Amino acid sequence: MSQIDEFKGFLAQGNVVDLATGVIIGGAFGKIVNSLVNDILMPPIGLLIGGVDFKSLFVVLGPTQYATLEEATKVGAPVIRYGLFVNTVFEFLIIAACIFFVVKQMTKLVAPPKK
């Protein structure tokens, strides 16, 4: 059997196709959650705590202070973008909750019936 035939056999296995499908769906799901956090959840939360835009929260690591993140980034100042980190934590929590509920339901579906 040639390496090309072995490679074709490998690609035809169900596990490879399942994995590829999962990666593609996972990427799309990540984009949906990212939009949910950035476009739906964080604006009202920011409004409730005083009109804060989390994406623009940062700390400059140096003596010079800048009014906006864009100004600091433009001149190459070292910054800690903690607002983006908060958004990412929210995204993670939503994805983790979704995965928890999906796995919980799948476990119920594939669990052997109780006797």
PDB file of N, CA and C in Angstrom:
ATOM      1  N   MET A   1       0.856  -1.184   0.000  1.00  0.00           N
ATOM      2  CA  MET A   1       0.000   0.000   0.000  1.00  0.00           C
ATOM      3  C   MET A   1       0.895   1.237   0.000  1.00  0.00           C
ATOM      4  N   SER A   2       0.616   2.147  -0.903  1.00  0.00           N
ATOM      5  CA  SER A   2       1.439   3.352  -1.005  1.00  0.00           C
ATOM      6  C   SER A   2       1.054   4.368   0.072  1.00  0.00           C
ATOM      7  N   GLN A   3       1.922   5.321   0.279  1.00  0.00           N
ATOM      8  CA  GLN A   3       1.634   6.363   1.275  1.00  0.00           C
ATOM      9  C   GLN A   3       0.416   7.177   0.879  1.00  0.00           C
ATOM     10  N   ILE A   4       0.213   7.377  -0.405  1.00  0.00           N
ATOM     11  CA  ILE A   4      -0.960   8.135  -0.862  1.00  0.00           C
ATOM     12  C   ILE A   4      -2.237   7.376  -0.513  1.00  0.00           C
ATOM     13  N   ASP A   5      -2.233   6.052  -0.708  1.00  0.00           N
ATOM     14  CA  ASP A   5      -3.400   5.244  -0.349  1.00  0.00           C
ATOM     15  C   ASP A   5      -3.644   5.275   1.160  1.00  0.00           C
ATOM     16  N   GLU A   6      -2.549   5.199   1.929  1.00  0.00           N
ATOM     17  CA  GLU A   6      -2.683   5.273   3.388  1.00  0.00           C
ATOM     18  C   GLU A   6      -3.252   6.629   3.807  1.00  0.00           C
ATOM     19  N   PHE A   7      -2.776   7.685   3.160  1.00  0.00           N
ATOM     20  CA  PHE A   7      -3.265   9.026   3.482  1.00  0.00           C
ATOM     21  C   PHE A   7      -4.742   9.154   3.144  1.00  0.00           C
ATOM     22  N   LYS A   8      -5.154   8.626   2.002  1.00  0.00           N
ATOM     23  CA  LYS A   8      -6.577   8.649   1.630  1.00  0.00           C
ATOM     24  C   LYS A   8      -7.415   7.895   2.661  1.00  0.00           C
ATOM     25  N   GLY A   9      -6.902   6.744   3.098  1.00  0.00           N
ATOM     26  CA  GLY A   9      -7.607   5.970   4.120  1.00  0.00           C
ATOM     27  C   GLY A   9      -7.725   6.732   5.426  1.00  0.00           C
ATOM     28  N   PHE A  10      -6.653   7.427   5.787  1.00  0.00           N
ATOM     29  CA  PHE A  10      -6.655   8.236   7.013  1.00  0.00           C
ATOM     30  C   PHE A  10      -7.711   9.339   6.930  1.00  0.00           C
ATOM     31  N   LEU A  11      -7.752  10.034   5.793  1.00  0.00           N
ATOM     32  CA  LEU A  11      -8.727  11.123   5.624  1.00  0.00           C
ATOM     33  C   LEU A  11     -10.161  10.614   5.591  1.00  0.00           C
ATOM     34  N   ALA A  12     -10.339   9.402   5.127  1.00  0.00           N
ATOM     35  CA  ALA A  12     -11.690   8.852   5.015  1.00  0.00           C
ATOM     36  C   ALA A  12     -12.225   8.346   6.355  1.00  0.00           C
ATOM     37  N   GLN A  13     -11.353   8.227   7.343  1.00  0.00           N
ATOM     38  CA  GLN A  13     -11.811   7.759   8.650  1.00  0.00           C
ATOM     39  C   GLN A  13     -12.791   8.761   9.242  1.00  0.00           C
ATOM     40  N   GLY A  14     -13.777   8.261   9.936  1.00  0.00           N
ATOM     41  CA  GLY A  14     -14.807   9.116  10.535  1.00  0.00           C
ATOM     42  C   GLY A  14     -14.251  10.095  11.549  1.00  0.00           C
ATOM     43  N   ASN A  15     -13.214   9.699  12.299  1.00  0.00           N
ATOM     44  CA  ASN A  15     -12.675  10.577  13.335  1.00  0.00           C
ATOM     45  C   ASN A  15     -12.106  11.863  12.751  1.00  0.00           C
ATOM     46  N   VAL A  16     -11.438  11.764  11.613  1.00  0.00           N
ATOM     47  CA  VAL A  16     -10.839  12.943  11.001  1.00  0.00           C
ATOM     48  C   VAL A  16     -11.930  13.896  10.541  1.00  0.00           C
ATOM     49  N   VAL A  17     -12.956  13.363   9.898  1.00  0.00           N
ATOM     50  CA  VAL A  17     -14.063  14.198   9.420  1.00  0.00           C
ATOM     51  C   VAL A  17     -14.805  14.813  10.605  1.00  0.00           C
ATOM     52  N   ASP A  18     -15.026  14.024  11.649  1.00  0.00           N
ATOM     53  CA  ASP A  18     -15.696  14.554  12.846  1.00  0.00           C
ATOM     54  C   ASP A  18     -14.882  15.676  13.480  1.00  0.00           C
ATOM     55  N   LEU A  19     -13.583  15.483  13.569  1.00  0.00           N
ATOM     56  CA  LEU A  19     -12.711  16.500  14.147  1.00  0.00           C
ATOM     57  C   LEU A  19     -12.737  17.774  13.317  1.00  0.00           C
ATOM     58  N   ALA A  20     -12.630  17.640  12.009  1.00  0.00           N
ATOM     59  CA  ALA A  20     -12.661  18.811  11.131  1.00  0.00           C
ATOM     60  C   ALA A  20     -13.985  19.560  11.272  1.00  0.00           C
ATOM     61  N   THR A  21     -15.074  18.821  11.329  1.00  0.00           N
ATOM     62  CA  THR A  21     -16.383  19.443  11.498  1.00  0.00           C
ATOM     63  C   THR A  21     -16.462  20.182  12.833  1.00  0.00           C
ATOM     64  N   GLY A  22     -15.949  19.558  13.881  1.00  0.00           N
ATOM     65  CA  GLY A  22     -15.965  20.194  15.199  1.00  0.00           C
ATOM     66  C   GLY A  22     -15.146  21.469  15.244  1.00  0.00           C
ATOM     67  N   VAL A  23     -13.994  21.452  14.594  1.00  0.00           N
ATOM     68  CA  VAL A  23     -13.136  22.641  14.572  1.00  0.00           C
ATOM     69  C   VAL A  23     -13.826  23.783  13.830  1.00  0.00           C
ATOM     70  N   ILE A  24     -14.443  23.478  12.696  1.00  0.00           N
ATOM     71  CA  ILE A  24     -15.127  24.510  11.913  1.00  0.00           C
ATOM     72  C   ILE A  24     -16.313  25.084  12.683  1.00  0.00           C
ATOM     73  N   ILE A  25     -17.118  24.214  13.262  1.00  0.00           N
ATOM     74  CA  ILE A  25     -18.273  24.687  14.031  1.00  0.00           C
ATOM     75  C   ILE A  25     -17.806  25.441  15.270  1.00  0.00           C
ATOM     76  N   GLY A  26     -16.746  24.965  15.916  1.00  0.00           N
ATOM     77  CA  GLY A  26     -16.206  25.653  17.089  1.00  0.00           C
ATOM     78  C   GLY A  26     -15.719  27.055  16.761  1.00  0.00           C
ATOM     79  N   GLY A  27     -15.064  27.206  15.613  1.00  0.00           N
ATOM     80  CA  GLY A  27     -14.609  28.536  15.186  1.00  0.00           C
ATOM     81  C   GLY A  27     -15.775  29.482  14.951  1.00  0.00           C
ATOM     82  N   ALA A  28     -16.803  28.976  14.296  1.00  0.00           N
ATOM     83  CA  ALA A  28     -17.989  29.802  14.040  1.00  0.00           C
ATOM     84  C   ALA A  28     -18.692  30.149  15.357  1.00  0.00           C
ATOM     85  N   PHE A  29     -18.761  29.179  16.263  1.00  0.00           N
ATOM     86  CA  PHE A  29     -19.398  29.422  17.555  1.00  0.00           C
ATOM     87  C   PHE A  29     -18.626  30.468  18.346  1.00  0.00           C
ATOM     88  N   GLY A  30     -17.299  30.420  18.271  1.00  0.00           N
ATOM     89  CA  GLY A  30     -16.468  31.419  18.949  1.00  0.00           C
ATOM     90  C   GLY A  30     -16.754  32.824  18.446  1.00  0.00           C
ATOM     91  N   LYS A  31     -16.963  32.967  17.146  1.00  0.00           N
ATOM     92  CA  LYS A  31     -17.290  34.282  16.585  1.00  0.00           C
ATOM     93  C   LYS A  31     -18.643  34.772  17.083  1.00  0.00           C
ATOM     94  N   ILE A  32     -19.600  33.860  17.195  1.00  0.00           N
ATOM     95  CA  ILE A  32     -20.922  34.235  17.701  1.00  0.00           C
ATOM     96  C   ILE A  32     -20.823  34.694  19.149  1.00  0.00           C
ATOM     97  N   VAL A  33     -20.093  33.948  19.965  1.00  0.00           N
ATOM     98  CA  VAL A  33     -19.943  34.321  21.379  1.00  0.00           C
ATOM     99  C   VAL A  33     -19.190  35.639  21.495  1.00  0.00           C
ATOM    100  N   ASN A  34     -18.172  35.843  20.680  1.00  0.00           N
ATOM    101  CA  ASN A  34     -17.422  37.095  20.683  1.00  0.00           C
ATOM    102  C   ASN A  34     -18.362  38.271  20.396  1.00  0.00           C
ATOM    103  N   SER A  35     -19.213  38.128  19.402  1.00  0.00           N
ATOM    104  CA  SER A  35     -20.166  39.186  19.078  1.00  0.00           C
ATOM    105  C   SER A  35     -21.178  39.372  20.209  1.00  0.00           C
ATOM    106  N   LEU A  36     -21.637  38.269  20.796  1.00  0.00           N
ATOM    107  CA  LEU A  36     -22.578  38.367  21.909  1.00  0.00           C
ATOM    108  C   LEU A  36     -21.978  39.176  23.049  1.00  0.00           C
ATOM    109  N   VAL A  37     -20.733  38.881  23.393  1.00  0.00           N
ATOM    110  CA  VAL A  37     -20.090  39.590  24.496  1.00  0.00           C
ATOM    111  C   VAL A  37     -19.843  41.051  24.135  1.00  0.00           C
ATOM    112  N   ASN A  38     -19.195  41.291  22.984  1.00  0.00           N
ATOM    113  CA  ASN A  38     -18.788  42.650  22.623  1.00  0.00           C
ATOM    114  C   ASN A  38     -19.946  43.547  22.202  1.00  0.00           C
ATOM    115  N   ASP A  39     -20.942  42.988  21.526  1.00  0.00           N
ATOM    116  CA  ASP A  39     -21.995  43.810  20.935  1.00  0.00           C
ATOM    117  C   ASP A  39     -23.298  43.815  21.722  1.00  0.00           C
ATOM    118  N   ILE A  40     -23.533  42.787  22.537  1.00  0.00           N
ATOM    119  CA  ILE A  40     -24.804  42.684  23.254  1.00  0.00           C
ATOM    120  C   ILE A  40     -24.636  42.839  24.762  1.00  0.00           C
ATOM    121  N   LEU A  41     -23.717  42.106  25.370  1.00  0.00           N
ATOM    122  CA  LEU A  41     -23.608  42.091  26.833  1.00  0.00           C
ATOM    123  C   LEU A  41     -22.808  43.252  27.419  1.00  0.00           C
ATOM    124  N   MET A  42     -21.634  43.519  26.868  1.00  0.00           N
ATOM    125  CA  MET A  42     -20.757  44.510  27.488  1.00  0.00           C
ATOM    126  C   MET A  42     -21.268  45.956  27.395  1.00  0.00           C
ATOM    127  N   PRO A  43     -21.908  46.379  26.310  1.00  0.00           N
ATOM    128  CA  PRO A  43     -22.412  47.766  26.297  1.00  0.00           C
ATOM    129  C   PRO A  43     -23.393  48.082  27.430  1.00  0.00           C
ATOM    130  N   PRO A  44     -24.411  47.232  27.688  1.00  0.00           N
ATOM    131  CA  PRO A  44     -25.288  47.557  28.825  1.00  0.00           C
ATOM    132  C   PRO A  44     -24.579  47.479  30.178  1.00  0.00           C
ATOM    133  N   ILE A  45     -23.658  46.518  30.320  1.00  0.00           N
ATOM    134  CA  ILE A  45     -22.914  46.422  31.579  1.00  0.00           C
ATOM    135  C   ILE A  45     -22.079  47.680  31.766  1.00  0.00           C
ATOM    136  N   GLY A  46     -21.415  48.122  30.704  1.00  0.00           N
ATOM    137  CA  GLY A  46     -20.634  49.361  30.771  1.00  0.00           C
ATOM    138  C   GLY A  46     -21.500  50.558  31.092  1.00  0.00           C
ATOM    139  N   LEU A  47     -22.702  50.604  30.524  1.00  0.00           N
ATOM    140  CA  LEU A  47     -23.639  51.706  30.800  1.00  0.00           C
ATOM    141  C   LEU A  47     -24.067  51.698  32.263  1.00  0.00           C
ATOM    142  N   LEU A  48     -24.328  50.506  32.797  1.00  0.00           N
ATOM    143  CA  LEU A  48     -24.757  50.392  34.191  1.00  0.00           C
ATOM    144  C   LEU A  48     -23.684  50.843  35.179  1.00  0.00           C
ATOM    145  N   ILE A  49     -22.418  50.689  34.823  1.00  0.00           N
ATOM    146  CA  ILE A  49     -21.357  51.086  35.752  1.00  0.00           C
ATOM    147  C   ILE A  49     -20.736  52.423  35.377  1.00  0.00           C
ATOM    148  N   GLY A  50     -21.483  53.233  34.687  1.00  0.00           N
ATOM    149  CA  GLY A  50     -21.027  54.604  34.447  1.00  0.00           C
ATOM    150  C   GLY A  50     -20.570  54.916  33.038  1.00  0.00           C
ATOM    151  N   GLY A  51     -21.095  54.232  32.044  1.00  0.00           N
ATOM    152  CA  GLY A  51     -20.756  54.534  30.661  1.00  0.00           C
ATOM    153  C   GLY A  51     -19.365  54.096  30.256  1.00  0.00           C
ATOM    154  N   VAL A  52     -18.895  52.986  30.784  1.00  0.00           N
ATOM    155  CA  VAL A  52     -17.548  52.501  30.503  1.00  0.00           C
ATOM    156  C   VAL A  52     -17.562  51.630  29.251  1.00  0.00           C
ATOM    157  N   ASP A  53     -16.622  51.881  28.343  1.00  0.00           N
ATOM    158  CA  ASP A  53     -16.394  51.002  27.197  1.00  0.00           C
ATOM    159  C   ASP A  53     -15.211  50.122  27.565  1.00  0.00           C
ATOM    160  N   PHE A  54     -15.484  48.857  27.832  1.00  0.00           N
ATOM    161  CA  PHE A  54     -14.441  47.965  28.328  1.00  0.00           C
ATOM    162  C   PHE A  54     -13.264  47.848  27.370  1.00  0.00           C
ATOM    163  N   LYS A  55     -13.525  47.918  26.064  1.00  0.00           N
ATOM    164  CA  LYS A  55     -12.438  47.783  25.092  1.00  0.00           C
ATOM    165  C   LYS A  55     -11.409  48.894  25.220  1.00  0.00           C
ATOM    166  N   SER A  56     -11.811  50.030  25.785  1.00  0.00           N
ATOM    167  CA  SER A  56     -10.889  51.164  25.865  1.00  0.00           C
ATOM    168  C   SER A  56     -10.197  51.287  27.221  1.00  0.00           C
ATOM    169  N   LEU A  57     -10.396  50.332  28.110  1.00  0.00           N
ATOM    170  CA  LEU A  57      -9.752  50.381  29.425  1.00  0.00           C
ATOM    171  C   LEU A  57      -8.319  49.873  29.322  1.00  0.00           C
ATOM    172  N   PHE A  58      -7.378  50.671  29.798  1.00  0.00           N
ATOM    173  CA  PHE A  58      -5.972  50.299  29.706  1.00  0.00           C
ATOM    174  C   PHE A  58      -5.162  51.046  30.754  1.00  0.00           C
ATOM    175  N   VAL A  59      -3.962  50.555  30.994  1.00  0.00           N
ATOM    176  CA  VAL A  59      -2.995  51.198  31.878  1.00  0.00           C
ATOM    177  C   VAL A  59      -1.685  51.303  31.105  1.00  0.00           C
ATOM    178  N   VAL A  60      -1.121  52.489  31.084  1.00  0.00           N
ATOM    179  CA  VAL A  60       0.160  52.705  30.409  1.00  0.00           C
ATOM    180  C   VAL A  60       1.283  52.335  31.366  1.00  0.00           C
ATOM    181  N   LEU A  61       2.237  51.552  30.882  1.00  0.00           N
ATOM    182  CA  LEU A  61       3.391  51.170  31.683  1.00  0.00           C
ATOM    183  C   LEU A  61       4.531  52.144  31.382  1.00  0.00           C
ATOM    184  N   GLY A  62       4.482  53.253  32.011  1.00  0.00           N
ATOM    185  CA  GLY A  62       5.504  54.269  31.792  1.00  0.00           C
ATOM    186  C   GLY A  62       5.030  55.608  32.349  1.00  0.00           C
ATOM    187  N   PRO A  63       5.896  56.588  32.332  1.00  0.00           N
ATOM    188  CA  PRO A  63       5.565  57.883  32.935  1.00  0.00           C
ATOM    189  C   PRO A  63       4.583  58.716  32.109  1.00  0.00           C
ATOM    190  N   THR A  64       4.562  58.526  30.800  1.00  0.00           N
ATOM    191  CA  THR A  64       3.683  59.329  29.956  1.00  0.00           C
ATOM    192  C   THR A  64       2.285  58.732  29.945  1.00  0.00           C
ATOM    193  N   GLN A  65       1.290  59.573  30.124  1.00  0.00           N
ATOM    194  CA  GLN A  65      -0.095  59.121  30.092  1.00  0.00           C
ATOM    195  C   GLN A  65      -0.754  59.563  28.791  1.00  0.00           C
ATOM    196  N   TYR A  66      -1.689  58.769  28.312  1.00  0.00           N
ATOM    197  CA  TYR A  66      -2.389  59.049  27.072  1.00  0.00           C
ATOM    198  C   TYR A  66      -3.889  59.033  27.326  1.00  0.00           C
ATOM    199  N   ALA A  67      -4.612  59.868  26.583  1.00  0.00           N
ATOM    200  CA  ALA A  67      -6.059  59.981  26.782  1.00  0.00           C
ATOM    201  C   ALA A  67      -6.799  58.754  26.265  1.00  0.00           C
ATOM    202  N   THR A  68      -6.303  58.163  25.187  1.00  0.00           N
ATOM    203  CA  THR A  68      -6.987  57.010  24.608  1.00  0.00           C
ATOM    204  C   THR A  68      -6.007  55.884  24.335  1.00  0.00           C
ATOM    205  N   LEU A  69      -6.554  54.699  24.211  1.00  0.00           N
ATOM    206  CA  LEU A  69      -5.745  53.536  23.875  1.00  0.00           C
ATOM    207  C   LEU A  69      -5.128  53.699  22.490  1.00  0.00           C
ATOM    208  N   GLU A  70      -5.864  54.308  21.580  1.00  0.00           N
ATOM    209  CA  GLU A  70      -5.355  54.517  20.229  1.00  0.00           C
ATOM    210  C   GLU A  70      -4.103  55.398  20.231  1.00  0.00           C
ATOM    211  N   GLU A  71      -4.122  56.449  21.043  1.00  0.00           N
ATOM    212  CA  GLU A  71      -2.950  57.326  21.137  1.00  0.00           C
ATOM    213  C   GLU A  71      -1.740  56.560  21.659  1.00  0.00           C
ATOM    214  N   ALA A  72      -1.944  55.803  22.704  1.00  0.00           N
ATOM    215  CA  ALA A  72      -0.846  55.046  23.312  1.00  0.00           C
ATOM    216  C   ALA A  72      -0.304  54.004  22.342  1.00  0.00           C
ATOM    217  N   THR A  73      -1.192  53.329  21.639  1.00  0.00           N
ATOM    218  CA  THR A  73      -0.781  52.309  20.683  1.00  0.00           C
ATOM    219  C   THR A  73      -0.039  52.927  19.503  1.00  0.00           C
ATOM    220  N   LYS A  74      -0.508  54.093  19.074  1.00  0.00           N
ATOM    221  CA  LYS A  74       0.087  54.761  17.909  1.00  0.00           C
ATOM    222  C   LYS A  74       1.562  55.108  18.141  1.00  0.00           C
ATOM    223  N   VAL A  75       1.894  55.529  19.362  1.00  0.00           N
ATOM    224  CA  VAL A  75       3.282  55.889  19.653  1.00  0.00           C
ATOM    225  C   VAL A  75       4.092  54.697  20.165  1.00  0.00           C
ATOM    226  N   GLY A  76       3.449  53.548  20.284  1.00  0.00           N
ATOM    227  CA  GLY A  76       4.158  52.343  20.705  1.00  0.00           C
ATOM    228  C   GLY A  76       4.395  52.238  22.198  1.00  0.00           C
ATOM    229  N   ALA A  77       3.586  52.930  22.986  1.00  0.00           N
ATOM    230  CA  ALA A  77       3.740  52.858  24.443  1.00  0.00           C
ATOM    231  C   ALA A  77       3.308  51.468  24.936  1.00  0.00           C
ATOM    232  N   PRO A  78       4.018  50.924  25.915  1.00  0.00           N
ATOM    233  CA  PRO A  78       3.600  49.634  26.472  1.00  0.00           C
ATOM    234  C   PRO A  78       2.353  49.810  27.333  1.00  0.00           C
ATOM    235  N   VAL A  79       1.331  49.029  27.040  1.00  0.00           N
ATOM    236  CA  VAL A  79       0.064  49.154  27.763  1.00  0.00           C
ATOM    237  C   VAL A  79      -0.442  47.781  28.190  1.00  0.00           C
ATOM    238  N   ILE A  80      -1.201  47.789  29.274  1.00  0.00           N
ATOM    239  CA  ILE A  80      -1.955  46.613  29.705  1.00  0.00           C
ATOM    240  C   ILE A  80      -3.403  46.891  29.339  1.00  0.00           C
ATOM    241  N   ARG A  81      -3.944  46.093  28.456  1.00  0.00           N
ATOM    242  CA  ARG A  81      -5.325  46.279  27.973  1.00  0.00           C
ATOM    243  C   ARG A  81      -6.274  45.423  28.811  1.00  0.00           C
ATOM    244  N   TYR A  82      -6.508  45.820  30.035  1.00  0.00           N
ATOM    245  CA  TYR A  82      -7.296  44.984  30.925  1.00  0.00           C
ATOM    246  C   TYR A  82      -8.770  44.935  30.542  1.00  0.00           C
ATOM    247  N   GLY A  83      -9.258  45.911  29.802  1.00  0.00           N
ATOM    248  CA  GLY A  83     -10.645  45.880  29.332  1.00  0.00           C
ATOM    249  C   GLY A  83     -10.872  44.755  28.338  1.00  0.00           C
ATOM    250  N   LEU A  84      -9.921  44.549  27.441  1.00  0.00           N
ATOM    251  CA  LEU A  84     -10.021  43.435  26.498  1.00  0.00           C
ATOM    252  C   LEU A  84      -9.943  42.103  27.228  1.00  0.00           C
ATOM    253  N   PHE A  85      -9.156  42.062  28.301  1.00  0.00           N
ATOM    254  CA  PHE A  85      -9.074  40.844  29.102  1.00  0.00           C
ATOM    255  C   PHE A  85     -10.421  40.525  29.751  1.00  0.00           C
ATOM    256  N   VAL A  86     -11.110  41.549  30.258  1.00  0.00           N
ATOM    257  CA  VAL A  86     -12.434  41.340  30.857  1.00  0.00           C
ATOM    258  C   VAL A  86     -13.386  40.763  29.812  1.00  0.00           C
ATOM    259  N   ASN A  87     -13.371  41.324  28.594  1.00  0.00           N
ATOM    260  CA  ASN A  87     -14.215  40.794  27.522  1.00  0.00           C
ATOM    261  C   ASN A  87     -13.898  39.327  27.242  1.00  0.00           C
ATOM    262  N   THR A  88     -12.625  38.997  27.204  1.00  0.00           N
ATOM    263  CA  THR A  88     -12.212  37.628  26.909  1.00  0.00           C
ATOM    264  C   THR A  88     -12.646  36.679  28.018  1.00  0.00           C
ATOM    265  N   VAL A  89     -12.599  37.122  29.263  1.00  0.00           N
ATOM    266  CA  VAL A  89     -13.063  36.284  30.375  1.00  0.00           C
ATOM    267  C   VAL A  89     -14.558  36.012  30.234  1.00  0.00           C
ATOM    268  N   PHE A  90     -15.345  37.031  29.880  1.00  0.00           N
ATOM    269  CA  PHE A  90     -16.775  36.829  29.658  1.00  0.00           C
ATOM    270  C   PHE A  90     -17.009  35.828  28.527  1.00  0.00           C
ATOM    271  N   GLU A  91     -16.260  35.956  27.443  1.00  0.00           N
ATOM    272  CA  GLU A  91     -16.391  35.019  26.328  1.00  0.00           C
ATOM    273  C   GLU A  91     -16.106  33.594  26.793  1.00  0.00           C
ATOM    274  N   PHE A  92     -15.033  33.430  27.546  1.00  0.00           N
ATOM    275  CA  PHE A  92     -14.679  32.104  28.044  1.00  0.00           C
ATOM    276  C   PHE A  92     -15.791  31.521  28.908  1.00  0.00           C
ATOM    277  N   LEU A  93     -16.336  32.325  29.815  1.00  0.00           N
ATOM    278  CA  LEU A  93     -17.387  31.822  30.707  1.00  0.00           C
ATOM    279  C   LEU A  93     -18.626  31.399  29.935  1.00  0.00           C
ATOM    280  N   ILE A  94     -18.982  32.151  28.907  1.00  0.00           N
ATOM    281  CA  ILE A  94     -20.152  31.786  28.099  1.00  0.00           C
ATOM    282  C   ILE A  94     -19.884  30.499  27.327  1.00  0.00           C
ATOM    283  N   ILE A  95     -18.716  30.390  26.717  1.00  0.00           N
ATOM    284  CA  ILE A  95     -18.386  29.169  25.975  1.00  0.00           C
ATOM    285  C   ILE A  95     -18.330  27.971  26.927  1.00  0.00           C
ATOM    286  N   ALA A  96     -17.716  28.153  28.086  1.00  0.00           N
ATOM    287  CA  ALA A  96     -17.631  27.056  29.061  1.00  0.00           C
ATOM    288  C   ALA A  96     -19.021  26.615  29.518  1.00  0.00           C
ATOM    289  N   ALA A  97     -19.922  27.564  29.749  1.00  0.00           N
ATOM    290  CA  ALA A  97     -21.282  27.216  30.155  1.00  0.00           C
ATOM    291  C   ALA A  97     -22.001  26.457  29.045  1.00  0.00           C
ATOM    292  N   CYS A  98     -21.847  26.917  27.817  1.00  0.00           N
ATOM    293  CA  CYS A  98     -22.489  26.225  26.689  1.00  0.00           C
ATOM    294  C   CYS A  98     -21.959  24.801  26.550  1.00  0.00           C
ATOM    295  N   ILE A  99     -20.657  24.644  26.639  1.00  0.00           N
ATOM    296  CA  ILE A  99     -20.072  23.305  26.521  1.00  0.00           C
ATOM    297  C   ILE A  99     -20.545  22.421  27.664  1.00  0.00           C
ATOM    298  N   PHE A 100     -20.627  22.968  28.864  1.00  0.00           N
ATOM    299  CA  PHE A 100     -21.120  22.205  30.015  1.00  0.00           C
ATOM    300  C   PHE A 100     -22.518  21.669  29.751  1.00  0.00           C
ATOM    301  N   PHE A 101     -23.418  22.540  29.267  1.00  0.00           N
ATOM    302  CA  PHE A 101     -24.796  22.117  29.044  1.00  0.00           C
ATOM    303  C   PHE A 101     -24.906  21.123  27.884  1.00  0.00           C
ATOM    304  N   VAL A 102     -24.110  21.289  26.848  1.00  0.00           N
ATOM    305  CA  VAL A 102     -24.129  20.341  25.737  1.00  0.00           C
ATOM    306  C   VAL A 102     -23.617  18.982  26.196  1.00  0.00           C
ATOM    307  N   VAL A 103     -22.498  18.962  26.916  1.00  0.00           N
ATOM    308  CA  VAL A 103     -21.950  17.693  27.400  1.00  0.00           C
ATOM    309  C   VAL A 103     -22.924  17.025  28.372  1.00  0.00           C
ATOM    310  N   LYS A 104     -23.560  17.805  29.211  1.00  0.00           N
ATOM    311  CA  LYS A 104     -24.529  17.259  30.165  1.00  0.00           C
ATOM    312  C   LYS A 104     -25.687  16.585  29.424  1.00  0.00           C
ATOM    313  N   GLN A 105     -26.187  17.239  28.373  1.00  0.00           N
ATOM    314  CA  GLN A 105     -27.279  16.656  27.605  1.00  0.00           C
ATOM    315  C   GLN A 105     -26.818  15.421  26.828  1.00  0.00           C
ATOM    316  N   MET A 106     -25.613  15.470  26.268  1.00  0.00           N
ATOM    317  CA  MET A 106     -25.091  14.313  25.535  1.00  0.00           C
ATOM    318  C   MET A 106     -24.906  13.120  26.472  1.00  0.00           C
ATOM    319  N   THR A 107     -24.474  13.390  27.691  1.00  0.00           N
ATOM    320  CA  THR A 107     -24.299  12.321  28.657  1.00  0.00           C
ATOM    321  C   THR A 107     -25.635  11.649  28.962  1.00  0.00           C
ATOM    322  N   LYS A 108     -26.689  12.449  29.065  1.00  0.00           N
ATOM    323  CA  LYS A 108     -28.022  11.884  29.310  1.00  0.00           C
ATOM    324  C   LYS A 108     -28.489  11.038  28.123  1.00  0.00           C
ATOM    325  N   LEU A 109     -28.156  11.472  26.921  1.00  0.00           N
ATOM    326  CA  LEU A 109     -28.601  10.764  25.727  1.00  0.00           C
ATOM    327  C   LEU A 109     -27.884   9.427  25.538  1.00  0.00           C
ATOM    328  N   VAL A 110     -26.602   9.374  25.860  1.00  0.00           N
ATOM    329  CA  VAL A 110     -25.840   8.160  25.619  1.00  0.00           C
ATOM    330  C   VAL A 110     -25.702   7.276  26.859  1.00  0.00           C
ATOM    331  N   ALA A 111     -26.177   7.733  27.980  1.00  0.00           N
ATOM    332  CA  ALA A 111     -26.077   6.926  29.203  1.00  0.00           C
ATOM    333  C   ALA A 111     -27.009   5.723  29.086  1.00  0.00           C
ATOM    334  N   PRO A 112     -26.566   4.591  29.592  1.00  0.00           N
ATOM    335  CA  PRO A 112     -27.435   3.411  29.544  1.00  0.00           C
ATOM    336  C   PRO A 112     -28.663   3.622  30.440  1.00  0.00           C
ATOM    337  N   PRO A 113     -29.807   3.109  30.005  1.00  0.00           N
ATOM    338  CA  PRO A 113     -31.023   3.305  30.808  1.00  0.00           C
ATOM    339  C   PRO A 113     -30.882   2.637  32.180  1.00  0.00           C
ATOM    340  N   LYS A 114     -31.431   3.286  33.184  1.00  0.00           N
ATOM    341  CA  LYS A 114     -31.378   2.749  34.546  1.00  0.00           C
ATOM    342  C   LYS A 114     -32.415   1.631  34.665  1.00  0.00           C
ATOM    343  N   LYS A 115     -31.998   0.562  35.338  1.00  0.00           N
ATOM    344  CA  LYS A 115     -32.895  -0.594  35.494  1.00  0.00           C
ATOM    345  C   LYS A 115     -33.477  -0.640  36.873  1.00  0.00           C
TER     346      LYS A 115
END
